[in-house]
PDB file of N, CA and C in Angstrom:
ATOM      1  N   UNK A   1      -5.480  -8.461  11.660  1.00  0.00           N
ATOM      2  CA  UNK A   1      -6.176  -9.563  10.991  1.00  0.00           C
ATOM      3  C   UNK A   1      -7.634  -9.178  10.784  1.00  0.00           C
ATOM      4  N   UNK A   2      -8.176  -9.559   9.658  1.00  0.00           N
ATOM      5  CA  UNK A   2      -9.579  -9.306   9.350  1.00  0.00           C
ATOM      6  C   UNK A   2     -10.406 -10.539   9.707  1.00  0.00           C
ATOM      7  N   UNK A   3     -11.674 -10.344  10.046  1.00  0.00           N
ATOM      8  CA  UNK A   3     -12.517 -11.478  10.443  1.00  0.00           C
ATOM      9  C   UNK A   3     -12.627 -12.578   9.388  1.00  0.00           C
ATOM     10  N   UNK A   4     -12.528 -12.204   8.103  1.00  0.00           N
ATOM     11  CA  UNK A   4     -12.677 -13.213   7.048  1.00  0.00           C
ATOM     12  C   UNK A   4     -11.376 -13.913   6.702  1.00  0.00           C
ATOM     13  N   UNK A   5     -10.328 -13.686   7.479  1.00  0.00           N
ATOM     14  CA  UNK A   5      -9.085 -14.413   7.287  1.00  0.00           C
ATOM     15  C   UNK A   5      -7.991 -13.666   6.551  1.00  0.00           C
ATOM     16  N   UNK A   6      -8.275 -12.481   6.081  1.00  0.00           N
ATOM     17  CA  UNK A   6      -7.250 -11.684   5.414  1.00  0.00           C
ATOM     18  C   UNK A   6      -6.595 -10.709   6.376  1.00  0.00           C
ATOM     19  N   UNK A   7      -5.899  -9.761   5.808  1.00  0.00           N
ATOM     20  CA  UNK A   7      -5.190  -8.759   6.602  1.00  0.00           C
ATOM     21  C   UNK A   7      -5.384  -7.382   5.991  1.00  0.00           C
ATOM     22  N   UNK A   8      -5.345  -6.353   6.831  1.00  0.00           N
ATOM     23  CA  UNK A   8      -5.285  -4.977   6.359  1.00  0.00           C
ATOM     24  C   UNK A   8      -4.076  -4.328   7.002  1.00  0.00           C
ATOM     25  N   UNK A   9      -3.156  -3.872   6.152  1.00  0.00           N
ATOM     26  CA  UNK A   9      -1.967  -3.149   6.604  1.00  0.00           C
ATOM     27  C   UNK A   9      -2.346  -1.670   6.635  1.00  0.00           C
ATOM     28  N   UNK A  10      -2.174  -1.020   7.788  1.00  0.00           N
ATOM     29  CA  UNK A  10      -2.536   0.387   7.923  1.00  0.00           C
ATOM     30  C   UNK A  10      -1.291   1.207   8.231  1.00  0.00           C
ATOM     31  N   UNK A  11      -1.059   2.220   7.420  1.00  0.00           N
ATOM     32  CA  UNK A  11       0.026   3.178   7.634  1.00  0.00           C
ATOM     33  C   UNK A  11      -0.596   4.431   8.244  1.00  0.00           C
ATOM     34  N   UNK A  12      -0.275   4.694   9.496  1.00  0.00           N
ATOM     35  CA  UNK A  12      -0.822   5.849  10.204  1.00  0.00           C
ATOM     36  C   UNK A  12      -0.012   7.085   9.840  1.00  0.00           C
ATOM     37  N   UNK A  13      -0.709   8.134   9.422  1.00  0.00           N
ATOM     38  CA  UNK A  13      -0.078   9.382   9.010  1.00  0.00           C
ATOM     39  C   UNK A  13      -0.518  10.514   9.933  1.00  0.00           C
ATOM     40  N   UNK A  14       0.436  11.376  10.293  1.00  0.00           N
ATOM     41  CA  UNK A  14       0.102  12.522  11.145  1.00  0.00           C
ATOM     42  C   UNK A  14      -0.144  13.789  10.338  1.00  0.00           C
ATOM     43  N   UNK A  15       0.243  13.783   9.068  1.00  0.00           N
ATOM     44  CA  UNK A  15       0.017  14.951   8.219  1.00  0.00           C
ATOM     45  C   UNK A  15      -1.358  14.920   7.578  1.00  0.00           C
ATOM     46  N   UNK A  16      -1.609  15.917   6.747  1.00  0.00           N
ATOM     47  CA  UNK A  16      -2.881  16.007   6.032  1.00  0.00           C
ATOM     48  C   UNK A  16      -2.893  15.043   4.847  1.00  0.00           C
ATOM     49  N   UNK A  17      -4.078  14.597   4.448  1.00  0.00           N
ATOM     50  CA  UNK A  17      -4.170  13.746   3.259  1.00  0.00           C
ATOM     51  C   UNK A  17      -3.648  14.493   2.029  1.00  0.00           C
ATOM     52  N   UNK A  18      -2.971  13.791   1.137  1.00  0.00           N
ATOM     53  CA  UNK A  18      -2.465  14.459  -0.064  1.00  0.00           C
ATOM     54  C   UNK A  18      -3.599  14.820  -1.014  1.00  0.00           C
ATOM     55  N   UNK A  19      -3.354  15.837  -1.826  1.00  0.00           N
ATOM     56  CA  UNK A  19      -4.362  16.214  -2.828  1.00  0.00           C
ATOM     57  C   UNK A  19      -4.477  15.145  -3.905  1.00  0.00           C
ATOM     58  N   UNK A  20      -3.357  14.495  -4.222  1.00  0.00           N
ATOM     59  CA  UNK A  20      -3.353  13.418  -5.215  1.00  0.00           C
ATOM     60  C   UNK A  20      -2.964  12.118  -4.513  1.00  0.00           C
ATOM     61  N   UNK A  21      -3.940  11.355  -4.043  1.00  0.00           N
ATOM     62  CA  UNK A  21      -3.626  10.131  -3.298  1.00  0.00           C
ATOM     63  C   UNK A  21      -2.968   9.048  -4.136  1.00  0.00           C
ATOM     64  N   UNK A  22      -3.010   9.140  -5.464  1.00  0.00           N
ATOM     65  CA  UNK A  22      -2.425   8.083  -6.295  1.00  0.00           C
ATOM     66  C   UNK A  22      -0.920   7.970  -6.109  1.00  0.00           C
ATOM     67  N   UNK A  23      -0.238   9.088  -5.799  1.00  0.00           N
ATOM     68  CA  UNK A  23       1.210   9.034  -5.612  1.00  0.00           C
ATOM     69  C   UNK A  23       1.596   8.212  -4.386  1.00  0.00           C
ATOM     70  N   UNK A  24       0.758   8.193  -3.388  1.00  0.00           N
ATOM     71  CA  UNK A  24       1.041   7.431  -2.172  1.00  0.00           C
ATOM     72  C   UNK A  24       0.701   5.954  -2.323  1.00  0.00           C
ATOM     73  N   UNK A  25      -0.056   5.610  -3.338  1.00  0.00           N
ATOM     74  CA  UNK A  25      -0.477   4.220  -3.513  1.00  0.00           C
ATOM     75  C   UNK A  25       0.692   3.276  -3.766  1.00  0.00           C
ATOM     76  N   UNK A  26       1.787   3.781  -4.330  1.00  0.00           N
ATOM     77  CA  UNK A  26       2.963   2.943  -4.562  1.00  0.00           C
ATOM     78  C   UNK A  26       3.517   2.455  -3.223  1.00  0.00           C
ATOM     79  N   UNK A  27       3.562   3.344  -2.255  1.00  0.00           N
ATOM     80  CA  UNK A  27       4.044   2.982  -0.923  1.00  0.00           C
ATOM     81  C   UNK A  27       3.163   1.884  -0.319  1.00  0.00           C
ATOM     82  N   UNK A  28       1.858   2.041  -0.409  1.00  0.00           N
ATOM     83  CA  UNK A  28       0.959   1.025   0.132  1.00  0.00           C
ATOM     84  C   UNK A  28       1.097  -0.298  -0.594  1.00  0.00           C
ATOM     85  N   UNK A  29       1.290  -0.250  -1.900  1.00  0.00           N
ATOM     86  CA  UNK A  29       1.459  -1.485  -2.669  1.00  0.00           C
ATOM     87  C   UNK A  29       2.684  -2.256  -2.177  1.00  0.00           C
ATOM     88  N   UNK A  30       3.763  -1.528  -1.903  1.00  0.00           N
ATOM     89  CA  UNK A  30       4.981  -2.176  -1.396  1.00  0.00           C
ATOM     90  C   UNK A  30       4.746  -2.779  -0.014  1.00  0.00           C
ATOM     91  N   UNK A  31       4.064  -2.047   0.854  1.00  0.00           N
ATOM     92  CA  UNK A  31       3.754  -2.569   2.194  1.00  0.00           C
ATOM     93  C   UNK A  31       2.897  -3.827   2.093  1.00  0.00           C
ATOM     94  N   UNK A  32       1.923  -3.795   1.214  1.00  0.00           N
ATOM     95  CA  UNK A  32       1.011  -4.931   1.030  1.00  0.00           C
ATOM     96  C   UNK A  32       1.776  -6.169   0.582  1.00  0.00           C
ATOM     97  N   UNK A  33       2.643  -6.000  -0.403  1.00  0.00           N
ATOM     98  CA  UNK A  33       3.432  -7.134  -0.888  1.00  0.00           C
ATOM     99  C   UNK A  33       4.390  -7.653   0.185  1.00  0.00           C
ATOM    100  N   UNK A  34       4.990  -6.730   0.928  1.00  0.00           N
ATOM    101  CA  UNK A  34       5.911  -7.138   1.996  1.00  0.00           C
ATOM    102  C   UNK A  34       5.177  -7.964   3.058  1.00  0.00           C
ATOM    103  N   UNK A  35       3.984  -7.498   3.469  1.00  0.00           N
ATOM    104  CA  UNK A  35       3.244  -8.236   4.493  1.00  0.00           C
ATOM    105  C   UNK A  35       2.811  -9.609   3.973  1.00  0.00           C
ATOM    106  N   UNK A  36       2.382  -9.665   2.723  1.00  0.00           N
ATOM    107  CA  UNK A  36       1.992 -10.951   2.150  1.00  0.00           C
ATOM    108  C   UNK A  36       3.163 -11.933   2.201  1.00  0.00           C
ATOM    109  N   UNK A  37       4.336 -11.454   1.823  1.00  0.00           N
ATOM    110  CA  UNK A  37       5.531 -12.309   1.823  1.00  0.00           C
ATOM    111  C   UNK A  37       5.914 -12.721   3.249  1.00  0.00           C
ATOM    112  N   UNK A  38       5.949 -11.761   4.163  1.00  0.00           N
ATOM    113  CA  UNK A  38       6.359 -12.047   5.545  1.00  0.00           C
ATOM    114  C   UNK A  38       5.393 -12.985   6.271  1.00  0.00           C
ATOM    115  N   UNK A  39       4.112 -12.819   5.996  1.00  0.00           N
ATOM    116  CA  UNK A  39       3.108 -13.607   6.722  1.00  0.00           C
ATOM    117  C   UNK A  39       2.724 -14.897   6.007  1.00  0.00           C
ATOM    118  N   UNK A  40       3.187 -15.059   4.757  1.00  0.00           N
ATOM    119  CA  UNK A  40       2.806 -16.242   3.998  1.00  0.00           C
ATOM    120  C   UNK A  40       1.355 -16.208   3.544  1.00  0.00           C
ATOM    121  N   UNK A  41       0.800 -15.003   3.443  1.00  0.00           N
ATOM    122  CA  UNK A  41      -0.589 -14.825   3.027  1.00  0.00           C
ATOM    123  C   UNK A  41      -0.642 -14.510   1.541  1.00  0.00           C
ATOM    124  N   UNK A  42      -1.560 -15.113   0.804  1.00  0.00           N
ATOM    125  CA  UNK A  42      -1.695 -14.733  -0.613  1.00  0.00           C
ATOM    126  C   UNK A  42      -1.971 -13.232  -0.723  1.00  0.00           C
ATOM    127  N   UNK A  43      -1.323 -12.588  -1.670  1.00  0.00           N
ATOM    128  CA  UNK A  43      -1.414 -11.133  -1.783  1.00  0.00           C
ATOM    129  C   UNK A  43      -2.853 -10.659  -1.992  1.00  0.00           C
ATOM    130  N   UNK A  44      -3.687 -11.471  -2.599  1.00  0.00           N
ATOM    131  CA  UNK A  44      -5.075 -11.052  -2.805  1.00  0.00           C
ATOM    132  C   UNK A  44      -5.891 -11.051  -1.513  1.00  0.00           C
ATOM    133  N   UNK A  45      -5.311 -11.558  -0.434  1.00  0.00           N
ATOM    134  CA  UNK A  45      -5.972 -11.539   0.892  1.00  0.00           C
ATOM    135  C   UNK A  45      -5.443 -10.416   1.773  1.00  0.00           C
ATOM    136  N   UNK A  46      -4.592  -9.542   1.213  1.00  0.00           N
ATOM    137  CA  UNK A  46      -4.002  -8.443   1.977  1.00  0.00           C
ATOM    138  C   UNK A  46      -4.443  -7.116   1.370  1.00  0.00           C
ATOM    139  N   UNK A  47      -5.038  -6.291   2.192  1.00  0.00           N
ATOM    140  CA  UNK A  47      -5.431  -4.945   1.786  1.00  0.00           C
ATOM    141  C   UNK A  47      -4.509  -3.958   2.484  1.00  0.00           C
ATOM    142  N   UNK A  48      -4.540  -2.708   2.043  1.00  0.00           N
ATOM    143  CA  UNK A  48      -3.699  -1.688   2.665  1.00  0.00           C
ATOM    144  C   UNK A  48      -4.424  -0.355   2.656  1.00  0.00           C
ATOM    145  N   UNK A  49      -4.147   0.454   3.674  1.00  0.00           N
ATOM    146  CA  UNK A  49      -4.804   1.757   3.799  1.00  0.00           C
ATOM    147  C   UNK A  49      -3.904   2.731   4.539  1.00  0.00           C
ATOM    148  N   UNK A  50      -4.129   4.006   4.266  1.00  0.00           N
ATOM    149  CA  UNK A  50      -3.541   5.075   5.071  1.00  0.00           C
ATOM    150  C   UNK A  50      -4.626   5.569   6.014  1.00  0.00           C
ATOM    151  N   UNK A  51      -4.243   5.852   7.259  1.00  0.00           N
ATOM    152  CA  UNK A  51      -5.171   6.522   8.172  1.00  0.00           C
ATOM    153  C   UNK A  51      -4.537   7.849   8.554  1.00  0.00           C
ATOM    154  N   UNK A  52      -5.223   8.935   8.198  1.00  0.00           N
ATOM    155  CA  UNK A  52      -4.758  10.289   8.502  1.00  0.00           C
ATOM    156  C   UNK A  52      -5.367  10.703   9.831  1.00  0.00           C
ATOM    157  N   UNK A  53      -4.514  10.757  10.850  1.00  0.00           N
ATOM    158  CA  UNK A  53      -4.962  10.932  12.231  1.00  0.00           C
ATOM    159  C   UNK A  53      -5.684  12.267  12.424  1.00  0.00           C
ATOM    160  N   UNK A  54      -5.057  13.373  12.009  1.00  0.00           N
ATOM    161  CA  UNK A  54      -5.661  14.694  12.213  1.00  0.00           C
ATOM    162  C   UNK A  54      -7.013  14.827  11.526  1.00  0.00           C
ATOM    163  N   UNK A  55      -7.125  14.279  10.343  1.00  0.00           N
ATOM    164  CA  UNK A  55      -8.374  14.377   9.582  1.00  0.00           C
ATOM    165  C   UNK A  55      -9.358  13.269   9.958  1.00  0.00           C
ATOM    166  N   UNK A  56      -8.914  12.295  10.749  1.00  0.00           N
ATOM    167  CA  UNK A  56      -9.705  11.117  11.095  1.00  0.00           C
ATOM    168  C   UNK A  56     -10.319  10.513   9.830  1.00  0.00           C
ATOM    169  N   UNK A  57      -9.434  10.273   8.865  1.00  0.00           N
ATOM    170  CA  UNK A  57      -9.865   9.782   7.558  1.00  0.00           C
ATOM    171  C   UNK A  57      -9.001   8.597   7.145  1.00  0.00           C
ATOM    172  N   UNK A  58      -9.627   7.538   6.697  1.00  0.00           N
ATOM    173  CA  UNK A  58      -8.918   6.368   6.202  1.00  0.00           C
ATOM    174  C   UNK A  58      -9.122   6.271   4.697  1.00  0.00           C
ATOM    175  N   UNK A  59      -8.015   6.110   3.983  1.00  0.00           N
ATOM    176  CA  UNK A  59      -8.041   5.987   2.530  1.00  0.00           C
ATOM    177  C   UNK A  59      -7.498   4.611   2.181  1.00  0.00           C
ATOM    178  N   UNK A  60      -8.321   3.816   1.507  1.00  0.00           N
ATOM    179  CA  UNK A  60      -7.939   2.446   1.165  1.00  0.00           C
ATOM    180  C   UNK A  60      -8.095   2.232  -0.340  1.00  0.00           C
ATOM    181  N   UNK A  61      -7.049   2.510  -1.115  1.00  0.00           N
ATOM    182  CA  UNK A  61      -7.144   2.299  -2.562  1.00  0.00           C
ATOM    183  C   UNK A  61      -7.382   0.827  -2.881  1.00  0.00           C
ATOM    184  N   UNK A  62      -8.144   0.581  -3.914  1.00  0.00           N
ATOM    185  CA  UNK A  62      -8.443  -0.798  -4.296  1.00  0.00           C
ATOM    186  C   UNK A  62      -7.641  -1.250  -5.507  1.00  0.00           C
ATOM    187  N   UNK A  63      -6.923  -0.336  -6.147  1.00  0.00           N
ATOM    188  CA  UNK A  63      -6.199  -0.668  -7.375  1.00  0.00           C
ATOM    189  C   UNK A  63      -4.683  -0.641  -7.173  1.00  0.00           C
ATOM    190  N   UNK A  64      -4.219  -1.235  -6.082  1.00  0.00           N
ATOM    191  CA  UNK A  64      -2.784  -1.242  -5.787  1.00  0.00           C
ATOM    192  C   UNK A  64      -2.021  -2.124  -6.769  1.00  0.00           C
ATOM    193  N   UNK A  65      -0.809  -1.698  -7.096  1.00  0.00           N
ATOM    194  CA  UNK A  65       0.035  -2.478  -8.000  1.00  0.00           C
ATOM    195  C   UNK A  65       0.383  -3.828  -7.383  1.00  0.00           C
ATOM    196  N   UNK A  66       0.525  -4.827  -8.234  1.00  0.00           N
ATOM    197  CA  UNK A  66       1.025  -6.120  -7.785  1.00  0.00           C
ATOM    198  C   UNK A  66       2.547  -6.124  -7.949  1.00  0.00           C
ATOM    199  N   UNK A  67       3.176  -7.257  -7.694  1.00  0.00           N
ATOM    200  CA  UNK A  67       4.640  -7.336  -7.765  1.00  0.00           C
ATOM    201  C   UNK A  67       5.148  -6.981  -9.164  1.00  0.00           C
ATOM    202  N   UNK A  68       4.497  -7.481 -10.193  1.00  0.00           N
ATOM    203  CA  UNK A  68       4.936  -7.184 -11.560  1.00  0.00           C
ATOM    204  C   UNK A  68       4.790  -5.692 -11.868  1.00  0.00           C
ATOM    205  N   UNK A  69       3.710  -5.094 -11.403  1.00  0.00           N
ATOM    206  CA  UNK A  69       3.494  -3.667 -11.624  1.00  0.00           C
ATOM    207  C   UNK A  69       4.527  -2.810 -10.919  1.00  0.00           C
ATOM    208  N   UNK A  70       4.864  -3.165  -9.685  1.00  0.00           N
ATOM    209  CA  UNK A  70       5.900  -2.424  -8.963  1.00  0.00           C
ATOM    210  C   UNK A  70       7.260  -2.604  -9.634  1.00  0.00           C
ATOM    211  N   UNK A  71       7.549  -3.809 -10.075  1.00  0.00           N
ATOM    212  CA  UNK A  71       8.814  -4.075 -10.752  1.00  0.00           C
ATOM    213  C   UNK A  71       8.913  -3.232 -12.020  1.00  0.00           C
ATOM    214  N   UNK A  72       7.855  -3.183 -12.804  1.00  0.00           N
ATOM    215  CA  UNK A  72       7.849  -2.385 -14.030  1.00  0.00           C
ATOM    216  C   UNK A  72       8.034  -0.908 -13.726  1.00  0.00           C
ATOM    217  N   UNK A  73       7.428  -0.436 -12.647  1.00  0.00           N
ATOM    218  CA  UNK A  73       7.577   0.964 -12.253  1.00  0.00           C
ATOM    219  C   UNK A  73       9.024   1.283 -11.882  1.00  0.00           C
ATOM    220  N   UNK A  74       9.641   0.406 -11.119  1.00  0.00           N
ATOM    221  CA  UNK A  74      11.033   0.608 -10.709  1.00  0.00           C
ATOM    222  C   UNK A  74      11.967   0.572 -11.922  1.00  0.00           C
ATOM    223  N   UNK A  75      11.674  -0.291 -12.866  1.00  0.00           N
ATOM    224  CA  UNK A  75      12.494  -0.386 -14.066  1.00  0.00           C
ATOM    225  C   UNK A  75      12.488   0.916 -14.885  1.00  0.00           C
ATOM    226  N   UNK A  76      11.478   1.733 -14.719  1.00  0.00           N
ATOM    227  CA  UNK A  76      11.382   2.994 -15.442  1.00  0.00           C
ATOM    228  C   UNK A  76      12.262   4.099 -14.840  1.00  0.00           C
ATOM    229  N   UNK A  77      12.761   3.880 -13.630  1.00  0.00           N
ATOM    230  CA  UNK A  77      13.589   4.889 -12.962  1.00  0.00           C
ATOM    231  C   UNK A  77      14.971   4.873 -13.579  1.00  0.00           C
ATOM    232  N   UNK A  78      15.461   6.032 -14.048  1.00  0.00           N
ATOM    233  CA  UNK A  78      16.814   6.058 -14.643  1.00  0.00           C
ATOM    234  C   UNK A  78      17.881   5.685 -13.620  1.00  0.00           C
ATOM    235  N   UNK A  79      18.903   4.982 -14.079  1.00  0.00           N
ATOM    236  CA  UNK A  79      20.013   4.589 -13.209  1.00  0.00           C
ATOM    237  C   UNK A  79      20.817   5.830 -12.827  1.00  0.00           C
ATOM    238  N   UNK A  80      21.270   5.859 -11.584  1.00  0.00           N
ATOM    239  CA  UNK A  80      22.116   6.971 -11.116  1.00  0.00           C
ATOM    240  C   UNK A  80      23.504   6.839 -11.749  1.00  0.00           C
ATOM    241  N   UNK A  81      24.082   7.947 -12.030  1.00  0.00           N
ATOM    242  CA  UNK A  81      25.443   7.810 -12.539  1.00  0.00           C
ATOM    243  C   UNK A  81      25.809   8.885 -13.412  1.00  0.00           C
TER     244      UNK A  81
END
């Protein structure tokens, strides 16, 4: 919980930070939406970050996809078959 009433979801990573952090942002967006739903918190009050333990570095993207953005992204994935 954050002092101002929101939340920060942190995914702790043991590996090195990726060279292109944008690819990992989809994962954080999903975690953020899940926590908002589970906790009953408005999604705009939930932030998300990766903390890379070995590098002692926290990466907190500010442009995470919302539910519609994630849905549109998933819709672009070809169906298996």
